[in-house]
Amino acid sequence: MWAFPIAGGGSGAGRLLPAGSLEVGSIRWTMATPPCHESVLAVERLPRPAHPFVLPSPDVQYGLAMGIQEQFVELAWKWAPTFGGMVFVVGGLALANRLLLSKSITSDKRLPRQVMMLLLTVSGLIWIFGLMPLPIELHGQILSLFGLLLTGVIAFSSTTFVANIMGGLMVRAVRSFRPGDFIRIGEHFGRVTERGLFHTEIQTEDRDLVTLPNLYVVTNPVKVVRASGTLVSVRLSLGYDVQHTGVEEHLKQAASDVGLDGPFVHVVELGDFSVTYMVAGFLEDIDRLLTTRSRLRCAVLDRLHDAKIEIVSPNFMNQRVLDPKQAVMPARVKPTPGGATQDVVDEEPTAESVVFDKGSKASALEGLRDREEGLKRQLAEATAETDKGALEKKLERIQTRIDKGTEGLAEP
């Protein structure tokens, strides 16, 4: 404590001031008037309380707890429909994804179901947003913002995302090819293994899988090898000194040797130094396309060499002078039973079984689905119970094979 005497006026005598005290914060000001008629101002620092925080009374605590509880219950009651809607939408989408996009669904049926799942997801999100306890004005502002964002996304991705979706729908609507078909798109040749919403997958002659965007598929010419059969051809050039009638006969025989139906020969071009021939024939079994092409080339070599016809351009004579009596062809090796030089070995595995393994599975799966649709139509038209029972058993076996085939096709 500090005490300060307060002097009086100009006469030097002390002054009397009213006694009392004043507390400001932690400072107490006290005015005292002793008998000497001189006022004294005392300044004292108050001690800090031992417990600065004082708990409210039980009644106040109960009131606060009840207020917080009421606010929580009111907030939970407002947001309960939103959380319930979220649980319902998530559960419904999970169930729909399991039913619509199961592993047994083929790529042809997967596309419309993917579109349906997309629509269900967008509808669920809009419904959840509508359940939120927000003011109507805020709902309108958020919907406007969502519309602007969606418009911007569509505008910026229209050349890729949306274009590929539209391309997938166009490919499905045109139906120019299906899984298992041989197609050529630009420089890509192979067998179709899958048609999706955004892409088409083909298996090339190197057994590699190539994914082509549907936008590329619909903007480029597509050459499809028909499932009913195709023409297999080989081109070669011979000199003008070789009679074309004899050449045509030998080339037709070569095509017949490899099992081609209706072989024919065309003179394609009369060049400056040679004549270009093309031999072709109809191949019904397109699963042996690569093997038949190779065998046709070998048969052409064998037939022309047996007829002493040289397959060489006259330019070769200008670069390397040979004896006119010397034939430019290898010595003929006669095939031995069981040897590697046999012309046709049907028991050996074909190249297509290795190269287009996934494409072959896809083709076989498409055939099973066609049989399944036919059995379903027969079952719907059947009247006798015995016929229905037999058809149901066949249909069950076909569906089991389809499920196994789909699982095998999904493996990498």
Protein backbone atom coordinates (compact mmCIF):
# COMPACT_ATOMS: atom_id res chain seq x y z
CA MET A 1 0.00 0.00 0.00
CA TRP A 2 1.13 3.50 -0.81
CA ALA A 3 -0.18 6.66 1.00
CA PHE A 4 0.06 10.14 -0.50
CA PRO A 5 -0.84 13.35 1.51
CA ILE A 6 -2.84 15.84 -0.52
CA ALA A 7 -1.86 19.48 0.17
CA GLY A 8 -4.29 22.32 0.32
CA GLY A 9 -4.54 25.57 -1.61
CA GLY A 10 -2.17 28.51 -1.82
CA SER A 11 -2.23 29.20 2.01
CA GLY A 12 -0.38 25.93 2.67
CA ALA A 13 -3.11 24.48 4.85
CA GLY A 14 -4.48 21.02 4.20
CA ARG A 15 -7.85 20.39 2.56
CA LEU A 16 -10.58 18.02 3.63
CA LEU A 17 -11.72 15.58 0.91
CA PRO A 18 -14.59 13.14 1.25
CA ALA A 19 -13.55 9.75 2.56
CA GLY A 20 -14.26 6.60 0.57
CA SER A 21 -12.72 3.86 -1.67
CA LEU A 22 -12.84 2.93 -5.37
CA GLU A 23 -11.76 -0.34 -7.00
CA VAL A 24 -10.63 -0.34 -10.62
CA GLY A 25 -9.54 -3.75 -11.81
CA SER A 26 -7.01 -5.04 -9.30
CA ILE A 27 -6.32 -1.54 -7.79
CA ARG A 28 -8.18 -0.06 -4.80
CA TRP A 29 -8.13 3.73 -4.24
CA THR A 30 -8.92 4.80 -0.61
CA MET A 31 -9.38 8.42 0.60
CA ALA A 32 -8.90 8.96 4.37
CA THR A 33 -9.14 12.18 6.52
CA PRO A 34 -7.10 11.90 9.77
CA PRO A 35 -7.53 14.34 12.68
CA CYS A 36 -4.83 16.59 11.27
CA HIS A 37 -7.31 17.81 8.73
CA GLU A 38 -5.09 16.62 5.87
CA SER A 39 -6.52 14.18 3.35
CA VAL A 40 -4.52 11.01 2.53
CA LEU A 41 -4.94 8.95 -0.70
CA ALA A 42 -3.99 5.29 -0.26
CA VAL A 43 -3.38 2.99 -3.31
CA GLU A 44 -3.55 -0.75 -2.70
CA ARG A 45 -3.14 -3.69 -5.16
CA LEU A 46 -5.81 -6.30 -4.56
CA PRO A 47 -4.71 -9.98 -4.34
CA ARG A 48 -5.77 -12.27 -7.19
CA PRO A 49 -8.44 -14.83 -6.35
CA ALA A 50 -7.26 -18.38 -5.82
CA HIS A 51 -9.89 -19.72 -8.24
CA PRO A 52 -10.48 -17.31 -11.12
CA PHE A 53 -13.12 -19.55 -12.72
CA VAL A 54 -16.24 -20.06 -10.69
CA LEU A 55 -18.56 -22.88 -11.71
CA PRO A 56 -22.14 -21.85 -12.28
CA SER A 57 -24.83 -23.11 -10.04
CA PRO A 58 -26.49 -26.51 -10.69
CA ASP A 59 -29.62 -24.81 -12.00
CA VAL A 60 -27.60 -22.86 -14.54
CA GLN A 61 -25.69 -26.01 -15.56
CA TYR A 62 -28.95 -27.92 -16.08
CA GLY A 63 -30.35 -25.11 -18.19
CA LEU A 64 -27.28 -25.04 -20.39
CA ALA A 65 -27.33 -28.83 -20.87
CA MET A 66 -31.01 -28.81 -21.78
CA GLY A 67 -30.43 -26.00 -24.29
CA ILE A 68 -27.60 -27.87 -26.01
CA GLN A 69 -29.66 -31.05 -26.10
CA GLU A 70 -32.63 -29.28 -27.63
CA GLN A 71 -30.44 -27.71 -30.30
CA PHE A 72 -28.85 -31.08 -31.14
CA VAL A 73 -32.24 -32.80 -31.35
CA GLU A 74 -33.60 -30.02 -33.55
CA LEU A 75 -30.55 -30.20 -35.86
CA ALA A 76 -30.71 -34.01 -36.05
CA TRP A 77 -34.45 -33.87 -36.78
CA LYS A 78 -33.82 -31.46 -39.66
CA TRP A 79 -31.00 -33.52 -41.22
CA ALA A 80 -32.49 -36.96 -40.53
CA PRO A 81 -34.26 -37.18 -43.93
CA THR A 82 -31.02 -36.22 -45.68
CA PHE A 83 -28.95 -38.90 -43.94
CA GLY A 84 -31.72 -41.46 -44.44
CA GLY A 85 -31.87 -40.58 -48.13
CA MET A 86 -28.08 -40.96 -48.43
CA VAL A 87 -28.19 -44.43 -46.88
CA PHE A 88 -31.08 -45.42 -49.14
CA VAL A 89 -29.37 -44.12 -52.31
CA VAL A 90 -26.01 -45.74 -51.52
CA GLY A 91 -27.67 -49.07 -50.73
CA GLY A 92 -29.87 -48.88 -53.83
CA LEU A 93 -26.93 -48.05 -56.10
CA ALA A 94 -24.87 -50.91 -54.66
CA LEU A 95 -27.74 -53.34 -55.23
CA ALA A 96 -28.37 -52.01 -58.74
CA ASN A 97 -24.66 -52.29 -59.60
CA ARG A 98 -24.64 -55.90 -58.43
CA LEU A 99 -27.74 -56.80 -60.43
CA LEU A 100 -27.10 -54.78 -63.58
CA LEU A 101 -23.31 -55.05 -63.93
CA SER A 102 -22.53 -58.56 -62.75
CA LYS A 103 -19.61 -60.52 -64.22
CA SER A 104 -21.92 -62.68 -66.32
CA ILE A 105 -23.16 -59.66 -68.28
CA THR A 106 -21.67 -59.42 -71.74
CA SER A 107 -20.25 -56.28 -73.32
CA ASP A 108 -23.30 -55.92 -75.60
CA LYS A 109 -25.70 -55.84 -72.67
CA ARG A 110 -23.34 -53.87 -70.45
CA LEU A 111 -23.62 -50.62 -72.43
CA PRO A 112 -27.33 -49.85 -71.80
CA ARG A 113 -26.95 -50.95 -68.20
CA GLN A 114 -24.01 -48.60 -67.69
CA VAL A 115 -26.13 -45.76 -69.04
CA MET A 116 -28.92 -46.78 -66.65
CA MET A 117 -26.48 -46.79 -63.70
CA LEU A 118 -25.28 -43.31 -64.67
CA LEU A 119 -28.84 -41.98 -64.76
CA LEU A 120 -29.65 -43.63 -61.41
CA THR A 121 -26.56 -42.08 -59.79
CA VAL A 122 -27.37 -38.57 -61.04
CA SER A 123 -31.02 -38.94 -59.96
CA GLY A 124 -29.93 -40.11 -56.50
CA LEU A 125 -27.61 -37.14 -56.03
CA ILE A 126 -30.34 -34.67 -57.05
CA TRP A 127 -32.81 -36.32 -54.68
CA ILE A 128 -30.35 -36.13 -51.76
CA PHE A 129 -29.74 -32.47 -52.52
CA GLY A 130 -33.49 -31.83 -52.46
CA LEU A 131 -33.75 -33.36 -48.97
CA MET A 132 -31.21 -30.97 -47.43
CA PRO A 133 -32.82 -28.48 -44.97
CA LEU A 134 -31.66 -25.38 -46.83
CA PRO A 135 -33.57 -22.24 -47.74
CA ILE A 136 -35.37 -22.24 -51.06
CA GLU A 137 -33.24 -19.38 -52.36
CA LEU A 138 -30.05 -21.28 -51.51
CA HIS A 139 -31.44 -24.39 -53.25
CA GLY A 140 -32.00 -22.37 -56.39
CA GLN A 141 -28.52 -20.84 -56.29
CA ILE A 142 -26.84 -24.22 -55.81
CA LEU A 143 -28.87 -25.78 -58.65
CA SER A 144 -27.89 -22.90 -60.92
CA LEU A 145 -24.22 -23.39 -59.98
CA PHE A 146 -24.52 -27.13 -60.61
CA GLY A 147 -26.07 -26.47 -64.01
CA LEU A 148 -23.25 -24.09 -64.93
CA LEU A 149 -20.61 -26.60 -63.86
CA LEU A 150 -22.31 -29.41 -65.78
CA THR A 151 -22.56 -27.24 -68.88
CA GLY A 152 -18.88 -26.34 -68.62
CA VAL A 153 -17.82 -29.95 -68.18
CA ILE A 154 -19.87 -31.05 -71.19
CA ALA A 155 -18.51 -28.16 -73.26
CA PHE A 156 -14.85 -28.89 -72.44
CA SER A 157 -15.11 -32.70 -72.72
CA SER A 158 -17.50 -32.90 -75.66
CA THR A 159 -14.70 -33.96 -78.01
CA THR A 160 -13.65 -36.90 -75.84
CA PHE A 161 -15.97 -38.14 -73.12
CA VAL A 162 -19.36 -37.38 -74.59
CA ALA A 163 -18.15 -38.06 -78.14
CA ASN A 164 -16.98 -41.54 -77.16
CA ILE A 165 -20.31 -42.26 -75.49
CA MET A 166 -22.19 -41.16 -78.60
CA GLY A 167 -19.80 -43.24 -80.69
CA GLY A 168 -20.52 -46.30 -78.55
CA LEU A 169 -24.25 -45.81 -78.96
CA MET A 170 -23.79 -45.38 -82.72
CA VAL A 171 -21.70 -48.56 -83.00
CA ARG A 172 -24.38 -50.44 -81.05
CA ALA A 173 -27.20 -49.02 -83.19
CA VAL A 174 -25.51 -49.69 -86.56
CA ARG A 175 -24.43 -53.24 -85.58
CA SER A 176 -21.81 -53.44 -88.27
CA PHE A 177 -19.76 -55.90 -86.19
CA ARG A 178 -19.94 -57.83 -82.96
CA PRO A 179 -17.48 -59.66 -80.67
CA GLY A 180 -15.66 -62.41 -82.56
CA ASP A 181 -15.62 -60.66 -85.96
CA PHE A 182 -12.42 -59.85 -87.85
CA ILE A 183 -12.25 -56.13 -88.58
CA ARG A 184 -9.79 -53.62 -90.00
CA ILE A 185 -9.95 -50.00 -88.83
CA GLY A 186 -7.28 -47.83 -90.37
CA GLU A 187 -4.01 -49.65 -89.84
CA HIS A 188 -5.41 -51.91 -87.11
CA PHE A 189 -6.51 -55.46 -87.96
CA GLY A 190 -7.72 -58.03 -85.50
CA ARG A 191 -10.62 -59.81 -83.90
CA VAL A 192 -13.17 -57.97 -81.78
CA THR A 193 -13.10 -59.04 -78.15
CA GLU A 194 -15.25 -56.38 -76.50
CA ARG A 195 -17.55 -53.46 -77.31
CA GLY A 196 -17.86 -51.00 -74.42
CA LEU A 197 -19.44 -47.64 -73.75
CA PHE A 198 -16.23 -45.74 -74.42
CA HIS A 199 -14.02 -48.09 -76.43
CA THR A 200 -13.79 -51.14 -78.69
CA GLU A 201 -11.14 -53.76 -77.99
CA ILE A 202 -9.56 -55.94 -80.68
CA GLN A 203 -6.93 -58.67 -80.55
CA THR A 204 -4.25 -58.25 -83.23
CA GLU A 205 -2.22 -60.80 -85.16
CA ASP A 206 0.49 -60.48 -82.48
CA ARG A 207 -2.00 -61.61 -79.79
CA ASP A 208 -1.90 -58.11 -78.30
CA LEU A 209 -5.04 -56.30 -77.19
CA VAL A 210 -5.61 -52.88 -78.76
CA THR A 211 -8.18 -50.46 -77.32
CA LEU A 212 -9.71 -48.10 -79.87
CA PRO A 213 -11.86 -45.14 -78.72
CA ASN A 214 -15.35 -45.29 -80.15
CA LEU A 215 -14.83 -41.81 -81.59
CA TYR A 216 -12.01 -43.26 -83.71
CA VAL A 217 -14.17 -46.23 -84.71
CA VAL A 218 -17.07 -44.13 -86.00
CA THR A 219 -14.84 -41.62 -87.83
CA ASN A 220 -12.85 -44.23 -89.78
CA PRO A 221 -13.95 -46.85 -92.33
CA VAL A 222 -14.48 -50.27 -90.78
CA LYS A 223 -13.81 -53.37 -92.88
CA VAL A 224 -15.56 -56.43 -91.44
CA VAL A 225 -14.82 -60.03 -92.42
CA ARG A 226 -18.21 -61.66 -92.78
CA ALA A 227 -18.93 -64.59 -90.49
CA SER A 228 -20.34 -66.58 -93.43
CA GLY A 229 -16.92 -66.61 -95.13
CA THR A 230 -14.39 -64.45 -96.94
CA LEU A 231 -11.99 -64.45 -99.89
CA VAL A 232 -8.36 -65.35 -99.33
CA SER A 233 -6.01 -64.00 -102.00
CA VAL A 234 -2.32 -63.80 -102.88
CA ARG A 235 -0.61 -61.48 -105.36
CA LEU A 236 2.61 -62.21 -107.26
CA SER A 237 4.45 -60.92 -110.32
CA LEU A 238 5.90 -63.03 -113.16
CA GLY A 239 7.80 -62.13 -116.27
CA TYR A 240 6.27 -61.52 -119.70
CA ASP A 241 8.01 -64.63 -121.00
CA VAL A 242 5.60 -66.86 -119.01
CA GLN A 243 2.30 -67.75 -120.71
CA HIS A 244 -0.59 -66.47 -118.59
CA THR A 245 -2.93 -69.38 -119.39
CA GLY A 246 -0.57 -71.90 -117.82
CA VAL A 247 -0.01 -69.63 -114.84
CA GLU A 248 -3.73 -69.31 -114.19
CA GLU A 249 -4.19 -73.08 -114.17
CA HIS A 250 -1.39 -73.67 -111.69
CA LEU A 251 -2.61 -70.89 -109.40
CA LYS A 252 -6.14 -72.31 -109.35
CA GLN A 253 -4.76 -75.72 -108.43
CA ALA A 254 -2.78 -74.12 -105.58
CA ALA A 255 -5.97 -72.53 -104.24
CA SER A 256 -7.80 -75.87 -104.45
CA ASP A 257 -4.95 -77.60 -102.57
CA VAL A 258 -5.60 -75.52 -99.45
CA GLY A 259 -9.37 -76.08 -99.50
CA LEU A 260 -10.59 -72.83 -101.06
CA ASP A 261 -13.88 -73.00 -102.95
CA GLY A 262 -14.39 -71.43 -106.39
CA PRO A 263 -10.78 -70.38 -107.02
CA PHE A 264 -10.15 -67.75 -109.69
CA VAL A 265 -7.20 -65.78 -111.08
CA HIS A 266 -7.09 -62.14 -112.17
CA VAL A 267 -4.40 -60.25 -114.04
CA VAL A 268 -4.15 -57.19 -111.84
CA GLU A 269 -1.49 -55.11 -113.56
CA LEU A 270 0.72 -55.08 -116.64
CA GLY A 271 3.87 -53.44 -115.37
CA ASP A 272 6.98 -52.30 -117.18
CA PHE A 273 8.89 -55.47 -116.36
CA SER A 274 6.37 -58.02 -115.04
CA VAL A 275 2.73 -59.10 -114.92
CA THR A 276 0.91 -59.04 -111.56
CA TYR A 277 -1.49 -61.91 -110.88
CA MET A 278 -3.95 -62.41 -108.04
CA VAL A 279 -5.29 -65.83 -107.07
CA ALA A 280 -8.24 -66.01 -104.64
CA GLY A 281 -10.77 -68.46 -103.33
CA PHE A 282 -13.66 -68.58 -100.87
CA LEU A 283 -12.89 -69.62 -97.28
CA GLU A 284 -15.94 -70.60 -95.26
CA ASP A 285 -14.20 -71.20 -91.93
CA ILE A 286 -12.88 -67.74 -91.02
CA ASP A 287 -11.33 -69.12 -87.84
CA ARG A 288 -8.50 -70.43 -90.06
CA LEU A 289 -7.93 -67.14 -91.90
CA LEU A 290 -4.26 -66.61 -91.03
CA THR A 291 -3.34 -70.26 -91.50
CA THR A 292 -5.06 -70.45 -94.89
CA ARG A 293 -3.27 -67.33 -96.12
CA SER A 294 0.09 -68.82 -95.23
CA ARG A 295 -0.78 -72.20 -96.74
CA LEU A 296 -1.94 -70.55 -99.96
CA ARG A 297 1.41 -68.80 -100.38
CA CYS A 298 3.21 -72.08 -99.82
CA ALA A 299 0.95 -73.88 -102.30
CA VAL A 300 1.59 -71.21 -104.96
CA LEU A 301 5.35 -71.67 -104.53
CA ASP A 302 5.07 -75.45 -104.77
CA ARG A 303 2.81 -75.46 -107.84
CA LEU A 304 4.86 -72.96 -109.83
CA HIS A 305 8.17 -74.58 -108.93
CA ASP A 306 6.80 -78.01 -109.93
CA ALA A 307 5.84 -76.48 -113.30
CA LYS A 308 9.39 -75.04 -113.68
CA ILE A 309 8.06 -71.46 -113.54
CA GLU A 310 10.47 -69.01 -111.94
CA ILE A 311 8.96 -66.50 -109.55
CA VAL A 312 11.46 -63.74 -110.18
CA SER A 313 11.44 -60.30 -111.72
CA PRO A 314 13.55 -59.64 -114.84
CA ASN A 315 15.36 -56.96 -112.86
CA PHE A 316 17.03 -59.78 -111.00
CA MET A 317 18.73 -60.88 -114.27
CA ASN A 318 20.08 -57.38 -114.84
CA GLN A 319 21.73 -57.30 -111.45
CA ARG A 320 23.10 -60.82 -111.35
CA VAL A 321 24.02 -62.59 -114.57
CA LEU A 322 23.13 -66.29 -114.43
CA ASP A 323 23.29 -69.18 -116.82
CA PRO A 324 20.02 -69.21 -118.80
CA LYS A 325 19.72 -72.94 -118.07
CA GLN A 326 19.95 -72.39 -114.33
CA ALA A 327 16.57 -72.14 -112.64
CA VAL A 328 16.20 -69.78 -109.71
CA MET A 329 14.25 -72.01 -107.38
CA PRO A 330 15.05 -74.35 -104.50
CA ALA A 331 15.23 -78.10 -104.91
CA ARG A 332 11.92 -79.79 -104.39
CA VAL A 333 11.72 -81.84 -101.19
CA LYS A 334 9.16 -84.61 -101.17
CA PRO A 335 7.05 -84.78 -98.02
CA THR A 336 7.69 -87.70 -95.74
CA PRO A 337 4.99 -89.33 -93.61
CA GLY A 338 4.95 -87.68 -90.23
CA GLY A 339 7.65 -85.21 -91.31
CA ALA A 340 7.68 -81.44 -91.06
CA THR A 341 7.39 -80.94 -94.83
CA GLN A 342 3.86 -82.18 -95.21
CA ASP A 343 1.69 -79.78 -97.17
CA VAL A 344 -1.39 -80.04 -95.00
CA VAL A 345 -1.42 -81.15 -91.38
CA ASP A 346 -4.90 -80.72 -90.05
CA GLU A 347 -4.06 -82.17 -86.66
CA GLU A 348 -1.60 -79.42 -85.79
CA PRO A 349 -2.93 -76.48 -83.78
CA THR A 350 -3.63 -73.47 -85.97
CA ALA A 351 -2.10 -70.05 -85.47
CA GLU A 352 -5.55 -68.57 -84.85
CA SER A 353 -6.02 -70.68 -81.72
CA VAL A 354 -2.99 -68.94 -80.19
CA VAL A 355 -3.17 -65.50 -81.77
CA PHE A 356 -6.91 -64.86 -81.40
CA ASP A 357 -7.60 -66.84 -78.23
CA LYS A 358 -9.69 -64.11 -76.60
CA GLY A 359 -11.42 -63.31 -79.89
CA SER A 360 -12.28 -67.00 -80.37
CA LYS A 361 -13.77 -67.12 -76.88
CA ALA A 362 -15.83 -64.01 -77.63
CA SER A 363 -17.05 -65.57 -80.89
CA ALA A 364 -18.01 -68.82 -79.16
CA LEU A 365 -19.78 -66.83 -76.46
CA GLU A 366 -21.81 -64.94 -79.06
CA GLY A 367 -22.84 -68.28 -80.60
CA LEU A 368 -24.00 -69.55 -77.21
CA ARG A 369 -26.06 -66.40 -76.69
CA ASP A 370 -27.72 -66.89 -80.06
CA ARG A 371 -28.61 -70.44 -79.06
CA GLU A 372 -29.91 -69.15 -75.72
CA GLU A 373 -32.24 -66.68 -77.46
CA GLY A 374 -33.47 -69.42 -79.79
CA LEU A 375 -34.21 -71.78 -76.88
CA LYS A 376 -36.09 -69.01 -75.06
CA ARG A 377 -38.29 -68.47 -78.10
CA GLN A 378 -38.93 -72.20 -78.41
CA LEU A 379 -39.75 -72.41 -74.71
CA ALA A 380 -42.27 -69.57 -75.03
CA GLU A 381 -43.95 -71.30 -77.98
CA ALA A 382 -43.90 -74.82 -76.49
CA THR A 383 -47.22 -76.24 -75.26
CA ALA A 384 -46.44 -79.75 -74.03
CA GLU A 385 -44.94 -80.11 -70.56
CA THR A 386 -42.41 -82.69 -71.76
CA ASP A 387 -41.13 -80.30 -74.41
CA LYS A 388 -40.87 -77.49 -71.88
CA GLY A 389 -38.89 -79.67 -69.48
CA ALA A 390 -36.39 -80.69 -72.16
CA LEU A 391 -36.00 -77.11 -73.35
CA GLU A 392 -35.51 -75.85 -69.81
CA LYS A 393 -32.71 -78.37 -69.25
CA LYS A 394 -31.00 -77.35 -72.49
CA LEU A 395 -31.40 -73.69 -71.59
CA GLU A 396 -29.88 -74.29 -68.17
CA ARG A 397 -26.85 -76.04 -69.68
CA ILE A 398 -26.38 -73.22 -72.20
CA GLN A 399 -26.58 -70.58 -69.44
CA THR A 400 -23.99 -72.47 -67.38
CA ARG A 401 -21.62 -72.52 -70.35
CA ILE A 402 -22.25 -68.80 -70.91
CA ASP A 403 -21.39 -68.02 -67.28
CA LYS A 404 -18.16 -70.03 -67.49
CA GLY A 405 -17.27 -68.47 -70.83
CA THR A 406 -17.87 -64.95 -69.50
CA GLU A 407 -15.61 -65.58 -66.51
CA GLY A 408 -12.89 -66.90 -68.81
CA LEU A 409 -13.24 -63.91 -71.12
CA ALA A 410 -12.89 -61.50 -68.19
CA GLU A 411 -9.50 -62.98 -67.26
CA PRO A 412 -6.47 -61.00 -68.55
